[in-house]
Amino acid sequence: MLLALGACQGRAAPPGAAAPAMGGKVCSVIDYGNWRDSLPVPGAFPADGCKAYMVSSAARMYELGCFTTSGVAFGPSGTANVDAKPPNPDCGWLTSAGPPRPASPSPPTPIVDCFWSLEAQAWVDTNGDGLRDKREGPLPGVRFQLNESPNVESDSHGVGKLFIFPANCSGMEMAVSALPPPGYEPSTDQPLKVRGAGDVGKASFGFRHVH
């Protein structure tokens, strides 16, 4: 599928999106019949990041694309349950690395590419000791927050992928917290302070029943 550069329409791209470059990556999230967001992303940007952006944008589908001389080529669409595929030829989606840039006779203008993602996990702390045991299952319906702003809700596996495009990755520190559904209260410390940029790992939140 090819989409001309001028047809990349939709809502405003998040701060930190890269400038278009031949052979560069494009993440597109779609709510058919309503809108499509197609934005350039860094070479190290993972396919899971585009899927997470779909979830956080309340879109229904997402596509992995590559800039070409004819516009933007996209692979088969993906959903929350089916992974999208990159176009052929791929521009680095399968390796989570962009293609090598050709040498330039003059130094290019530097572009700051910045994204932040974390996998948050919520679980039922049956014995209330703040430590997850093998028999303690996931807790869906937990609302994860970044700096007190709602971001995403835990799924049936108790997992939510938090994802943002900050304006600047330098010296980043995010406060991650979790709001449980009715009938539960936190059994582990929060908010959690997370430093760094890119894929920063995982955070775990336990909740006990309120009697």
N, C-alpha and C. Protein backbone atom coordinates (compact mmCIF):
# COMPACT_ATOMS: atom_id res chain seq x y z
N MET A 1 0.84 -1.19 0.00
CA MET A 1 0.00 0.00 0.00
C MET A 1 0.88 1.24 0.00
N LEU A 2 0.59 2.21 -0.89
CA LEU A 2 1.36 3.45 -0.97
C LEU A 2 0.48 4.62 -0.59
N LEU A 3 1.03 5.52 0.22
CA LEU A 3 0.33 6.73 0.60
C LEU A 3 1.24 7.90 0.28
N ALA A 4 0.77 8.83 -0.53
CA ALA A 4 1.60 9.99 -0.88
C ALA A 4 1.86 10.81 0.35
N LEU A 5 3.04 11.48 0.38
CA LEU A 5 3.41 12.26 1.56
C LEU A 5 2.35 13.29 1.89
N GLY A 6 1.76 13.91 0.90
CA GLY A 6 0.75 14.93 1.16
C GLY A 6 -0.53 14.36 1.70
N ALA A 7 -0.70 13.03 1.66
CA ALA A 7 -1.94 12.43 2.14
C ALA A 7 -1.83 11.94 3.56
N CYS A 8 -0.67 12.14 4.21
CA CYS A 8 -0.52 11.74 5.61
C CYS A 8 -1.30 12.73 6.47
N GLN A 9 -2.58 12.47 6.65
CA GLN A 9 -3.43 13.42 7.34
C GLN A 9 -3.97 12.82 8.63
N GLY A 10 -4.56 13.65 9.45
CA GLY A 10 -5.15 13.20 10.71
C GLY A 10 -4.95 14.25 11.76
N ARG A 11 -4.89 13.86 13.01
CA ARG A 11 -4.65 14.81 14.08
C ARG A 11 -3.18 15.18 14.14
N ALA A 12 -2.85 16.21 14.91
CA ALA A 12 -1.46 16.68 14.98
C ALA A 12 -0.55 15.58 15.53
N ALA A 13 0.65 15.45 14.93
CA ALA A 13 1.61 14.45 15.39
C ALA A 13 2.13 14.82 16.77
N PRO A 14 2.41 13.83 17.62
CA PRO A 14 2.92 14.11 18.96
C PRO A 14 4.27 14.81 18.90
N PRO A 15 4.64 15.59 19.92
CA PRO A 15 5.95 16.24 19.94
C PRO A 15 7.07 15.21 19.88
N GLY A 16 8.16 15.53 19.19
CA GLY A 16 9.30 14.63 19.12
C GLY A 16 9.30 13.75 17.89
N ALA A 17 8.24 13.84 17.03
CA ALA A 17 8.22 13.05 15.82
C ALA A 17 9.34 13.51 14.89
N ALA A 18 9.94 12.56 14.16
CA ALA A 18 11.09 12.89 13.31
C ALA A 18 10.64 13.56 12.03
N ALA A 19 11.58 14.22 11.37
CA ALA A 19 11.30 14.80 10.06
C ALA A 19 11.39 13.70 9.00
N PRO A 20 10.62 13.78 7.89
CA PRO A 20 10.65 12.75 6.86
C PRO A 20 12.05 12.56 6.30
N ALA A 21 12.46 11.32 6.07
CA ALA A 21 13.74 10.99 5.46
C ALA A 21 13.57 9.76 4.59
N MET A 22 14.16 9.75 3.41
CA MET A 22 14.02 8.63 2.51
C MET A 22 14.50 7.35 3.19
N GLY A 23 13.67 6.30 3.14
CA GLY A 23 14.01 5.05 3.78
C GLY A 23 13.72 5.04 5.26
N GLY A 24 13.15 6.12 5.80
CA GLY A 24 12.85 6.20 7.22
C GLY A 24 11.52 5.54 7.55
N LYS A 25 11.27 5.36 8.85
CA LYS A 25 10.07 4.68 9.31
C LYS A 25 8.89 5.63 9.47
N VAL A 26 7.68 5.08 9.30
CA VAL A 26 6.44 5.82 9.52
C VAL A 26 5.51 4.93 10.34
N CYS A 27 4.97 5.49 11.42
CA CYS A 27 3.96 4.80 12.23
C CYS A 27 2.61 5.44 11.93
N SER A 28 1.65 4.64 11.53
CA SER A 28 0.32 5.16 11.19
C SER A 28 -0.73 4.46 12.04
N VAL A 29 -1.57 5.24 12.73
CA VAL A 29 -2.67 4.68 13.52
C VAL A 29 -3.99 5.16 12.90
N ILE A 30 -4.98 4.29 12.89
CA ILE A 30 -6.16 4.52 12.06
C ILE A 30 -7.45 4.21 12.82
N ASP A 31 -8.42 5.10 12.65
CA ASP A 31 -9.81 4.82 13.04
C ASP A 31 -10.62 5.04 11.76
N TYR A 32 -10.82 3.96 10.99
CA TYR A 32 -11.38 4.08 9.66
C TYR A 32 -12.72 4.82 9.68
N GLY A 33 -12.85 5.73 8.72
CA GLY A 33 -14.05 6.54 8.62
C GLY A 33 -14.00 7.79 9.46
N ASN A 34 -12.96 7.91 10.31
CA ASN A 34 -12.84 9.08 11.18
C ASN A 34 -11.51 9.80 10.97
N TRP A 35 -10.38 9.13 11.20
CA TRP A 35 -9.09 9.79 11.06
C TRP A 35 -7.96 8.79 10.93
N ARG A 36 -6.83 9.29 10.45
CA ARG A 36 -5.57 8.54 10.37
C ARG A 36 -4.44 9.48 10.78
N ASP A 37 -3.55 9.01 11.66
CA ASP A 37 -2.34 9.75 12.03
C ASP A 37 -1.14 9.00 11.46
N SER A 38 -0.38 9.64 10.59
CA SER A 38 0.84 9.04 10.04
C SER A 38 2.00 9.96 10.39
N LEU A 39 2.96 9.44 11.16
CA LEU A 39 4.05 10.28 11.60
C LEU A 39 5.40 9.59 11.46
N PRO A 40 6.44 10.34 11.05
CA PRO A 40 7.80 9.78 11.01
C PRO A 40 8.27 9.48 12.42
N VAL A 41 9.02 8.39 12.58
CA VAL A 41 9.52 8.00 13.90
C VAL A 41 11.00 7.67 13.81
N PRO A 42 11.71 7.65 14.95
CA PRO A 42 13.15 7.37 14.94
C PRO A 42 13.49 6.00 14.39
N GLY A 43 14.73 5.83 13.93
CA GLY A 43 15.16 4.55 13.39
C GLY A 43 15.10 3.42 14.39
N ALA A 44 15.31 3.73 15.70
CA ALA A 44 15.28 2.70 16.74
C ALA A 44 13.87 2.45 17.27
N PHE A 45 12.89 3.14 16.72
CA PHE A 45 11.51 3.01 17.19
C PHE A 45 10.99 1.60 16.88
N PRO A 46 10.49 0.85 17.90
CA PRO A 46 10.07 -0.54 17.68
C PRO A 46 8.64 -0.64 17.15
N ALA A 47 8.34 -1.77 16.51
CA ALA A 47 6.98 -2.01 16.02
C ALA A 47 5.97 -2.02 17.17
N ASP A 48 6.39 -2.54 18.34
CA ASP A 48 5.50 -2.55 19.50
C ASP A 48 5.15 -1.12 19.94
N GLY A 49 6.06 -0.19 19.68
CA GLY A 49 5.79 1.20 20.02
C GLY A 49 4.66 1.78 19.20
N CYS A 50 4.60 1.41 17.92
CA CYS A 50 3.51 1.87 17.06
C CYS A 50 2.18 1.26 17.52
N LYS A 51 2.23 -0.01 17.92
CA LYS A 51 1.02 -0.66 18.43
C LYS A 51 0.56 -0.01 19.72
N ALA A 52 1.51 0.34 20.59
CA ALA A 52 1.16 0.99 21.84
C ALA A 52 0.57 2.38 21.58
N TYR A 53 1.10 3.07 20.56
CA TYR A 53 0.55 4.39 20.22
C TYR A 53 -0.88 4.26 19.72
N MET A 54 -1.19 3.16 19.00
CA MET A 54 -2.56 2.90 18.56
C MET A 54 -3.49 2.80 19.77
N VAL A 55 -3.06 2.04 20.78
CA VAL A 55 -3.89 1.84 21.97
C VAL A 55 -4.10 3.16 22.71
N SER A 56 -3.00 3.93 22.91
CA SER A 56 -3.12 5.17 23.66
C SER A 56 -3.91 6.23 22.90
N SER A 57 -4.00 6.10 21.55
CA SER A 57 -4.75 7.05 20.74
C SER A 57 -6.20 6.64 20.54
N ALA A 58 -6.59 5.47 21.11
CA ALA A 58 -7.95 4.94 20.95
C ALA A 58 -8.25 4.67 19.48
N ALA A 59 -7.21 4.30 18.70
CA ALA A 59 -7.40 3.92 17.31
C ALA A 59 -7.74 2.44 17.24
N ARG A 60 -8.18 1.98 16.06
CA ARG A 60 -8.59 0.59 15.89
C ARG A 60 -7.54 -0.26 15.18
N MET A 61 -6.70 0.39 14.37
CA MET A 61 -5.71 -0.34 13.59
C MET A 61 -4.42 0.47 13.54
N TYR A 62 -3.33 -0.20 13.16
CA TYR A 62 -2.06 0.51 12.95
C TYR A 62 -1.31 -0.13 11.79
N GLU A 63 -0.43 0.64 11.16
CA GLU A 63 0.35 0.16 10.03
C GLU A 63 1.80 0.63 10.16
N LEU A 64 2.72 -0.21 9.72
CA LEU A 64 4.15 0.10 9.71
C LEU A 64 4.52 0.51 8.29
N GLY A 65 5.13 1.69 8.16
CA GLY A 65 5.43 2.20 6.83
C GLY A 65 6.87 2.61 6.65
N CYS A 66 7.25 2.85 5.38
CA CYS A 66 8.59 3.29 5.02
C CYS A 66 8.47 4.38 3.94
N PHE A 67 9.26 5.45 4.10
CA PHE A 67 9.30 6.48 3.07
C PHE A 67 10.00 5.93 1.82
N THR A 68 9.41 6.18 0.65
CA THR A 68 9.99 5.78 -0.63
C THR A 68 9.95 6.98 -1.57
N THR A 69 10.52 6.81 -2.78
CA THR A 69 10.49 7.88 -3.77
C THR A 69 9.08 8.16 -4.25
N SER A 70 8.14 7.21 -4.04
CA SER A 70 6.76 7.37 -4.50
C SER A 70 5.82 7.83 -3.40
N GLY A 71 6.31 7.96 -2.19
CA GLY A 71 5.45 8.31 -1.07
C GLY A 71 5.77 7.44 0.13
N VAL A 72 4.74 6.88 0.77
CA VAL A 72 4.93 6.02 1.93
C VAL A 72 4.33 4.65 1.62
N ALA A 73 5.14 3.60 1.76
CA ALA A 73 4.67 2.24 1.55
C ALA A 73 4.33 1.62 2.90
N PHE A 74 3.14 1.01 3.01
CA PHE A 74 2.72 0.36 4.24
C PHE A 74 2.56 -1.14 4.03
N GLY A 75 2.82 -1.90 5.09
CA GLY A 75 2.57 -3.33 5.08
C GLY A 75 1.15 -3.62 5.57
N PRO A 76 0.81 -4.91 5.73
CA PRO A 76 -0.52 -5.29 6.21
C PRO A 76 -0.83 -4.68 7.58
N SER A 77 -2.08 -4.27 7.75
CA SER A 77 -2.52 -3.62 9.00
C SER A 77 -2.50 -4.58 10.18
N GLY A 78 -2.39 -4.00 11.38
CA GLY A 78 -2.47 -4.77 12.62
C GLY A 78 -3.52 -4.20 13.54
N THR A 79 -3.93 -4.99 14.54
CA THR A 79 -4.90 -4.56 15.53
C THR A 79 -4.33 -4.90 16.92
N ALA A 80 -5.15 -4.73 17.94
CA ALA A 80 -4.71 -5.07 19.29
C ALA A 80 -4.38 -6.55 19.42
N ASN A 81 -4.99 -7.39 18.57
CA ASN A 81 -4.79 -8.84 18.66
C ASN A 81 -3.93 -9.42 17.54
N VAL A 82 -3.65 -8.62 16.51
CA VAL A 82 -2.87 -9.10 15.37
C VAL A 82 -1.75 -8.09 15.10
N ASP A 83 -0.50 -8.56 15.04
CA ASP A 83 0.63 -7.68 14.78
C ASP A 83 0.66 -7.22 13.33
N ALA A 84 0.94 -5.94 13.12
CA ALA A 84 1.12 -5.42 11.76
C ALA A 84 2.45 -5.93 11.19
N LYS A 85 2.53 -5.93 9.86
CA LYS A 85 3.76 -6.35 9.18
C LYS A 85 4.34 -5.16 8.40
N PRO A 86 5.67 -5.07 8.31
CA PRO A 86 6.27 -3.98 7.53
C PRO A 86 6.13 -4.23 6.04
N PRO A 87 6.31 -3.18 5.21
CA PRO A 87 6.28 -3.38 3.76
C PRO A 87 7.53 -4.11 3.29
N ASN A 88 7.53 -4.49 2.03
CA ASN A 88 8.69 -5.14 1.42
C ASN A 88 9.15 -4.29 0.24
N PRO A 89 10.37 -3.73 0.28
CA PRO A 89 11.41 -3.97 1.29
C PRO A 89 11.15 -3.23 2.60
N ASP A 90 11.68 -3.81 3.67
CA ASP A 90 11.54 -3.25 5.01
C ASP A 90 12.59 -2.15 5.21
N CYS A 91 12.28 -1.16 6.06
CA CYS A 91 13.23 -0.08 6.34
C CYS A 91 13.77 -0.18 7.76
N GLY A 92 13.74 -1.37 8.35
CA GLY A 92 14.32 -1.57 9.67
C GLY A 92 13.34 -1.95 10.75
N TRP A 93 12.03 -2.11 10.42
CA TRP A 93 11.05 -2.48 11.44
C TRP A 93 11.36 -3.84 12.06
N LEU A 94 11.80 -4.80 11.25
CA LEU A 94 12.04 -6.15 11.76
C LEU A 94 13.25 -6.22 12.68
N THR A 95 14.16 -5.27 12.55
CA THR A 95 15.36 -5.26 13.38
C THR A 95 15.34 -4.13 14.40
N SER A 96 14.25 -3.32 14.39
CA SER A 96 14.14 -2.15 15.27
C SER A 96 15.32 -1.21 15.10
N ALA A 97 15.81 -1.13 13.87
CA ALA A 97 16.92 -0.22 13.57
C ALA A 97 16.72 0.34 12.18
N GLY A 98 16.94 1.58 12.00
CA GLY A 98 16.76 2.23 10.72
C GLY A 98 17.87 1.87 9.75
N PRO A 99 17.67 2.14 8.46
CA PRO A 99 18.70 1.86 7.45
C PRO A 99 19.87 2.82 7.59
N PRO A 100 21.05 2.42 7.13
CA PRO A 100 22.19 3.35 7.20
C PRO A 100 21.93 4.58 6.35
N ARG A 101 22.33 5.74 6.86
CA ARG A 101 22.14 6.99 6.14
C ARG A 101 23.32 7.22 5.20
N PRO A 102 23.07 7.64 3.95
CA PRO A 102 24.18 7.91 3.02
C PRO A 102 24.98 9.11 3.47
N ALA A 103 26.28 9.10 3.09
CA ALA A 103 27.14 10.23 3.46
C ALA A 103 26.66 11.50 2.78
N SER A 104 26.80 12.61 3.46
CA SER A 104 26.35 13.89 2.94
C SER A 104 27.55 14.83 2.86
N PRO A 105 27.64 15.63 1.78
CA PRO A 105 28.78 16.54 1.66
C PRO A 105 28.78 17.63 2.73
N SER A 106 27.62 17.92 3.31
CA SER A 106 27.54 18.92 4.37
C SER A 106 26.81 18.32 5.57
N PRO A 107 27.21 18.66 6.78
CA PRO A 107 26.56 18.08 7.96
C PRO A 107 25.06 18.38 7.98
N PRO A 108 24.22 17.35 8.18
CA PRO A 108 22.78 17.58 8.23
C PRO A 108 22.38 18.28 9.52
N THR A 109 21.22 18.90 9.50
CA THR A 109 20.69 19.52 10.70
C THR A 109 20.27 18.43 11.68
N PRO A 110 20.78 18.42 12.91
CA PRO A 110 20.43 17.35 13.85
C PRO A 110 18.95 17.38 14.20
N ILE A 111 18.36 16.19 14.31
CA ILE A 111 16.96 16.04 14.69
C ILE A 111 16.90 15.25 15.99
N VAL A 112 16.21 15.75 17.00
CA VAL A 112 16.09 15.06 18.27
C VAL A 112 14.88 14.14 18.21
N ASP A 113 15.12 12.85 18.28
CA ASP A 113 14.04 11.86 18.27
C ASP A 113 13.85 11.37 19.69
N CYS A 114 12.65 11.45 20.20
CA CYS A 114 12.44 11.15 21.61
C CYS A 114 11.13 10.38 21.80
N PHE A 115 11.20 9.22 22.45
CA PHE A 115 9.99 8.51 22.86
C PHE A 115 10.27 7.82 24.19
N TRP A 116 9.21 7.47 24.88
CA TRP A 116 9.31 6.87 26.21
C TRP A 116 8.22 5.82 26.32
N SER A 117 8.60 4.60 26.73
CA SER A 117 7.60 3.54 26.89
C SER A 117 7.95 2.65 28.08
N LEU A 118 6.91 2.11 28.70
CA LEU A 118 7.09 1.25 29.87
C LEU A 118 5.92 0.27 29.93
N GLU A 119 6.21 -0.98 30.29
CA GLU A 119 5.16 -1.97 30.49
C GLU A 119 4.77 -2.01 31.97
N ALA A 120 3.54 -1.62 32.26
CA ALA A 120 3.04 -1.64 33.64
C ALA A 120 2.21 -2.89 33.86
N GLN A 121 2.38 -3.50 35.02
CA GLN A 121 1.66 -4.73 35.36
C GLN A 121 0.88 -4.55 36.65
N ALA A 122 -0.37 -5.00 36.66
CA ALA A 122 -1.21 -4.93 37.86
C ALA A 122 -1.64 -6.34 38.25
N TRP A 123 -1.62 -6.66 39.54
CA TRP A 123 -1.95 -8.01 39.99
C TRP A 123 -2.66 -7.97 41.34
N VAL A 124 -3.37 -9.05 41.62
CA VAL A 124 -4.13 -9.17 42.87
C VAL A 124 -3.22 -9.74 43.95
N ASP A 125 -2.96 -8.94 44.97
CA ASP A 125 -2.11 -9.36 46.09
C ASP A 125 -2.99 -10.06 47.12
N THR A 126 -3.19 -11.36 46.91
CA THR A 126 -4.14 -12.12 47.71
C THR A 126 -3.82 -12.09 49.20
N ASN A 127 -2.54 -12.22 49.55
CA ASN A 127 -2.17 -12.23 50.97
C ASN A 127 -1.74 -10.85 51.48
N GLY A 128 -1.74 -9.86 50.61
CA GLY A 128 -1.47 -8.48 51.02
C GLY A 128 -0.06 -8.20 51.49
N ASP A 129 0.91 -9.04 51.07
CA ASP A 129 2.28 -8.84 51.56
C ASP A 129 3.14 -7.95 50.66
N GLY A 130 2.58 -7.47 49.54
CA GLY A 130 3.31 -6.60 48.64
C GLY A 130 4.29 -7.31 47.72
N LEU A 131 4.29 -8.66 47.76
CA LEU A 131 5.17 -9.45 46.90
C LEU A 131 4.30 -10.37 46.04
N ARG A 132 4.59 -10.44 44.75
CA ARG A 132 3.76 -11.26 43.87
C ARG A 132 4.17 -12.73 43.92
N ASP A 133 3.24 -13.59 44.27
CA ASP A 133 3.46 -15.02 44.29
C ASP A 133 2.99 -15.63 42.97
N LYS A 134 3.41 -16.86 42.70
CA LYS A 134 3.06 -17.51 41.45
C LYS A 134 1.56 -17.69 41.28
N ARG A 135 0.83 -17.83 42.39
CA ARG A 135 -0.61 -18.06 42.31
C ARG A 135 -1.44 -16.78 42.30
N GLU A 136 -0.80 -15.64 42.37
CA GLU A 136 -1.53 -14.36 42.38
C GLU A 136 -1.66 -13.84 40.95
N GLY A 137 -2.92 -13.74 40.52
CA GLY A 137 -3.22 -13.45 39.12
C GLY A 137 -3.28 -11.97 38.78
N PRO A 138 -3.49 -11.68 37.51
CA PRO A 138 -3.53 -10.29 37.03
C PRO A 138 -4.80 -9.57 37.46
N LEU A 139 -4.75 -8.25 37.43
CA LEU A 139 -5.92 -7.43 37.75
C LEU A 139 -6.20 -6.50 36.56
N PRO A 140 -7.25 -6.79 35.79
CA PRO A 140 -7.62 -5.89 34.69
C PRO A 140 -8.36 -4.66 35.21
N GLY A 141 -8.47 -3.65 34.36
CA GLY A 141 -9.23 -2.46 34.71
C GLY A 141 -8.51 -1.45 35.57
N VAL A 142 -7.19 -1.61 35.73
CA VAL A 142 -6.39 -0.63 36.49
C VAL A 142 -5.97 0.49 35.55
N ARG A 143 -6.17 1.73 35.97
CA ARG A 143 -5.83 2.88 35.14
C ARG A 143 -4.44 3.38 35.51
N PHE A 144 -3.49 3.18 34.59
CA PHE A 144 -2.12 3.64 34.83
C PHE A 144 -2.00 5.12 34.45
N GLN A 145 -1.21 5.85 35.24
CA GLN A 145 -1.05 7.28 35.02
C GLN A 145 0.42 7.67 34.93
N LEU A 146 0.70 8.69 34.13
CA LEU A 146 2.03 9.28 34.04
C LEU A 146 1.94 10.72 34.55
N ASN A 147 2.70 11.01 35.61
CA ASN A 147 2.65 12.35 36.21
C ASN A 147 1.21 12.80 36.45
N GLU A 148 0.38 11.86 36.98
CA GLU A 148 -1.00 12.09 37.37
C GLU A 148 -1.94 12.31 36.19
N SER A 149 -1.48 12.02 34.97
CA SER A 149 -2.34 12.11 33.79
C SER A 149 -2.65 10.70 33.30
N PRO A 150 -3.95 10.34 33.13
CA PRO A 150 -4.31 9.00 32.66
C PRO A 150 -3.65 8.68 31.33
N ASN A 151 -3.19 7.42 31.20
CA ASN A 151 -2.50 7.03 29.97
C ASN A 151 -3.13 5.79 29.33
N VAL A 152 -3.22 4.68 30.09
CA VAL A 152 -3.76 3.46 29.52
C VAL A 152 -4.30 2.58 30.64
N GLU A 153 -5.18 1.62 30.30
CA GLU A 153 -5.80 0.73 31.29
C GLU A 153 -5.27 -0.69 31.12
N SER A 154 -5.12 -1.42 32.22
CA SER A 154 -4.61 -2.79 32.14
C SER A 154 -5.63 -3.70 31.44
N ASP A 155 -5.10 -4.65 30.65
CA ASP A 155 -5.96 -5.57 29.92
C ASP A 155 -6.26 -6.81 30.76
N SER A 156 -6.76 -7.87 30.12
CA SER A 156 -7.13 -9.09 30.85
C SER A 156 -5.92 -9.78 31.46
N HIS A 157 -4.73 -9.45 30.99
CA HIS A 157 -3.49 -10.00 31.55
C HIS A 157 -2.89 -9.07 32.61
N GLY A 158 -3.60 -7.99 32.93
CA GLY A 158 -3.11 -7.04 33.92
C GLY A 158 -2.01 -6.14 33.40
N VAL A 159 -1.85 -6.06 32.08
CA VAL A 159 -0.74 -5.33 31.47
C VAL A 159 -1.25 -4.11 30.72
N GLY A 160 -0.51 -3.01 30.84
CA GLY A 160 -0.78 -1.82 30.05
C GLY A 160 0.54 -1.25 29.56
N LYS A 161 0.63 -0.92 28.27
CA LYS A 161 1.85 -0.37 27.69
C LYS A 161 1.72 1.15 27.67
N LEU A 162 2.49 1.82 28.53
CA LEU A 162 2.47 3.28 28.60
C LEU A 162 3.43 3.84 27.55
N PHE A 163 2.98 4.87 26.85
CA PHE A 163 3.75 5.34 25.72
C PHE A 163 3.49 6.82 25.48
N ILE A 164 4.56 7.62 25.32
CA ILE A 164 4.43 9.05 25.04
C ILE A 164 5.56 9.51 24.12
N PHE A 165 5.36 10.66 23.47
CA PHE A 165 6.39 11.36 22.72
C PHE A 165 6.74 12.64 23.47
N PRO A 166 7.68 12.63 24.42
CA PRO A 166 8.03 13.86 25.12
C PRO A 166 8.79 14.81 24.22
N ALA A 167 8.76 16.08 24.57
CA ALA A 167 9.43 17.09 23.76
C ALA A 167 10.96 17.00 23.89
N ASN A 168 11.43 16.47 25.02
CA ASN A 168 12.88 16.42 25.26
C ASN A 168 13.19 15.22 26.16
N CYS A 169 14.13 14.38 25.74
CA CYS A 169 14.48 13.19 26.52
C CYS A 169 15.56 13.45 27.57
N SER A 170 16.15 14.62 27.56
CA SER A 170 17.25 14.92 28.47
C SER A 170 16.78 15.01 29.92
N GLY A 171 17.39 14.20 30.80
CA GLY A 171 17.07 14.24 32.22
C GLY A 171 15.64 13.89 32.56
N MET A 172 15.04 12.98 31.79
CA MET A 172 13.62 12.63 32.01
C MET A 172 13.42 11.85 33.31
N GLU A 173 12.37 12.19 34.04
CA GLU A 173 11.93 11.42 35.20
C GLU A 173 10.41 11.44 35.21
N MET A 174 9.79 10.26 35.17
CA MET A 174 8.34 10.14 35.12
C MET A 174 7.85 9.50 36.42
N ALA A 175 6.70 9.99 36.91
CA ALA A 175 6.04 9.40 38.07
C ALA A 175 4.91 8.51 37.56
N VAL A 176 5.03 7.19 37.80
CA VAL A 176 4.04 6.22 37.32
C VAL A 176 3.19 5.76 38.50
N SER A 177 1.87 5.88 38.37
CA SER A 177 0.96 5.45 39.42
C SER A 177 -0.17 4.64 38.81
N ALA A 178 -0.98 4.01 39.65
CA ALA A 178 -2.05 3.13 39.17
C ALA A 178 -3.28 3.28 40.04
N LEU A 179 -4.44 3.44 39.40
CA LEU A 179 -5.72 3.58 40.09
C LEU A 179 -6.51 2.30 39.91
N PRO A 180 -6.81 1.56 40.99
CA PRO A 180 -7.49 0.27 40.86
C PRO A 180 -8.99 0.42 40.64
N PRO A 181 -9.65 -0.64 40.18
CA PRO A 181 -11.11 -0.62 40.08
C PRO A 181 -11.71 -0.69 41.48
N PRO A 182 -13.02 -0.44 41.61
CA PRO A 182 -13.67 -0.49 42.93
C PRO A 182 -13.43 -1.83 43.63
N GLY A 183 -13.22 -1.78 44.95
CA GLY A 183 -13.03 -3.00 45.73
C GLY A 183 -11.59 -3.36 45.96
N TYR A 184 -10.65 -2.55 45.47
CA TYR A 184 -9.23 -2.83 45.65
C TYR A 184 -8.50 -1.58 46.13
N GLU A 185 -7.37 -1.80 46.81
CA GLU A 185 -6.50 -0.71 47.23
C GLU A 185 -5.06 -1.14 47.03
N PRO A 186 -4.12 -0.19 46.85
CA PRO A 186 -2.72 -0.54 46.59
C PRO A 186 -2.09 -1.30 47.77
N SER A 187 -1.25 -2.28 47.45
CA SER A 187 -0.48 -2.99 48.47
C SER A 187 1.02 -2.80 48.24
N THR A 188 1.37 -2.09 47.18
CA THR A 188 2.77 -1.78 46.89
C THR A 188 2.93 -0.26 46.78
N ASP A 189 4.15 0.20 46.96
CA ASP A 189 4.41 1.64 46.95
C ASP A 189 4.14 2.26 45.59
N GLN A 190 3.58 3.45 45.59
CA GLN A 190 3.41 4.25 44.40
C GLN A 190 3.20 5.71 44.81
N PRO A 191 3.52 6.65 43.89
CA PRO A 191 3.99 6.44 42.53
C PRO A 191 5.43 5.96 42.48
N LEU A 192 5.79 5.34 41.34
CA LEU A 192 7.15 4.90 41.10
C LEU A 192 7.86 5.94 40.24
N LYS A 193 9.06 6.34 40.63
CA LYS A 193 9.85 7.29 39.85
C LYS A 193 10.71 6.51 38.86
N VAL A 194 10.53 6.82 37.57
CA VAL A 194 11.26 6.11 36.52
C VAL A 194 12.07 7.13 35.73
N ARG A 195 13.37 6.88 35.65
CA ARG A 195 14.27 7.77 34.91
C ARG A 195 14.74 7.12 33.62
N GLY A 196 15.04 7.96 32.62
CA GLY A 196 15.54 7.45 31.36
C GLY A 196 14.59 7.74 30.22
N ALA A 197 14.98 7.27 29.02
CA ALA A 197 14.19 7.49 27.82
C ALA A 197 14.20 6.22 26.98
N GLY A 198 13.36 6.18 25.94
CA GLY A 198 13.23 4.98 25.12
C GLY A 198 12.38 3.95 25.85
N ASP A 199 12.69 2.66 25.66
CA ASP A 199 11.99 1.58 26.36
C ASP A 199 12.65 1.41 27.72
N VAL A 200 11.98 1.85 28.79
CA VAL A 200 12.60 1.87 30.11
C VAL A 200 12.30 0.63 30.96
N GLY A 201 11.60 -0.37 30.39
CA GLY A 201 11.40 -1.63 31.11
C GLY A 201 9.98 -1.84 31.63
N LYS A 202 9.88 -2.35 32.87
CA LYS A 202 8.59 -2.73 33.45
C LYS A 202 8.42 -2.14 34.85
N ALA A 203 7.14 -2.00 35.25
CA ALA A 203 6.80 -1.57 36.61
C ALA A 203 5.64 -2.43 37.09
N SER A 204 5.66 -2.82 38.36
CA SER A 204 4.67 -3.74 38.90
C SER A 204 3.90 -3.09 40.05
N PHE A 205 2.57 -3.28 40.04
CA PHE A 205 1.69 -2.71 41.06
C PHE A 205 0.77 -3.80 41.62
N GLY A 206 0.81 -3.97 42.94
CA GLY A 206 -0.05 -4.94 43.60
C GLY A 206 -1.26 -4.28 44.25
N PHE A 207 -2.39 -5.02 44.31
CA PHE A 207 -3.62 -4.49 44.91
C PHE A 207 -4.31 -5.60 45.72
N ARG A 208 -4.76 -5.25 46.92
CA ARG A 208 -5.46 -6.21 47.77
C ARG A 208 -6.95 -5.87 47.82
N HIS A 209 -7.75 -6.88 48.13
CA HIS A 209 -9.20 -6.69 48.27
C HIS A 209 -9.49 -5.81 49.48
N VAL A 210 -10.50 -4.96 49.32
CA VAL A 210 -10.97 -4.13 50.42
C VAL A 210 -12.22 -4.79 50.99
N HIS A 211 -12.16 -5.16 52.24
CA HIS A 211 -13.31 -5.87 52.86
C HIS A 211 -14.23 -4.89 53.57
